[in-house]
């Protein structure tokens, strides 16, 4: 049974929450009087800080829990998937970031306004907002699962809902105060805490195994069921696997390209740098630094496999309780370890890491979504009604936007509680798959805009809708409800994204080309 957190553990968690909220506000002090200050930090953020923020944004709770889960269930092929991120960072730097800086945009979708008109920009912004509610909502659900286990030692629906509420309140307190500066600085602190907690957990698990490194490698190479958990590059042609080499070079690459270059959640951070060169350095560095970080989280899962499923390898077999049952909840195996195995104090630090990942999960999206809502929708409308509206008015509107999206993410997180259980997807795969809803259409539209002379405002809107629908009809619930062929839900998310983006390109290119408004 889980062990309750002690007063020392709770004190560490409370100190962390107070430090991250208070510190984020203090460190973000500066001018927030204009939209560019509030949403882009006045283009004054340093490369290294933006790099850490991008890493924290892209990993957060999904990696903290999903990475160990992936290692526990499978092999190291997820680590190989980071190569798709490196390739995507190079492409995004070369073809997208330079354009965004040259045009001095606040949101990446303003590029489409120049090419196809305001209708295309608003359509892309709307698709981003819908997709980001899906994707961030899924990550908030993952974080809420961990927080529910920490607070209530279960993941019953009512516990998860309460945990979502706790995460929402903490995140709002942080983002409303200092804008993107506050978010980026808090990302830095959260990354230090949750990755530090992971390193401590790795050392703690290793200390419970009576193995040398060579013996551990041998045990992972030859498991009782005959599988090799050390496989890094999977060259199989199994389209149900998400991290084969072929999936990494296609769908996983596209997923990361959408994340680095088309998702305002990440690109907003990159646009806070001084220039395109600095932004490129930040995104490429983040993709490289992510490799050892992902390796650590997957290795935690590998060692948990040895601890929980190979009792003969435990250092003190006579002590008992080293391989407790976690009630079939394999998605929370790392959280189960934290609550049952770690010593007092260290458990509090690791739990603070969970809270760090949870808060980072929600704050990463609120500022970005609000910037799109205000810049691409509200401001054009307001300027037509009242051209003399002050910059402070739009900052206030941005704060209201954050409040609205916080509620939307909380509602989506609750929906994902039931969605993920219906699909029975692994936690990490579920979080990545949900991102495909908006990326499929956006990838098709931006590919057409950047590399061809085709497309129109109408075809952009049609392509965005087509990409979303193609991903939707491949979901298990839709396939089952409509009685569609079961093979439609058997493809792993990289292949679903590849199909969705391909169809979106075809639809977008069907529109007649128009002269760019340079």
Foldseek 3Di string as FASTA:
>chain_A
DFDAADPLLVVLLVVLLCCLQVVLLVQLDDDPLFLCCQLQVVQADFLQLLLLLLLLQVQFLLLLQQLLLCLQVAAQLVLVLLVLLLVLLVVLLVFFLQVCQVVVDLASLVLCCLFFRLLLSLLLLVLLLVLCLLLLLLSLLSLLQLVLCNPPVHPPLVSSLVSLVVLLVSLLSQCLNRHPSSLSVSSNVLSCLLLVLLVVLLVLLVVFFPDDPVRLQVCQCQDPVGHRRHDHAACDPQQLDCRHPVLSNFLSSLLSNCVCRPRLLSVSSLSSHNGSVSSSSSSSVSSVVVSVSSVSSSVSSSSLSCQQVVLVGTPCSPVDPRHDDSPPPSSRSVSSCLRRPDDHNSSSSNSSSSSSSSSSSLNSPLSSSLSSCLVSPVVVVVCVVPVPDGSNVSSVSSSVSSVVSSVSSSVSSSVVVVQCVVQVDRSSLSSSLSSLLQSLLSLLQVCCSRPHQAFHSVLSSVLRVQLNVLSVCLRPVNCVVVVHDPVSVSGRSSVSSSVSNVVSNVSGRVGGGDDRND
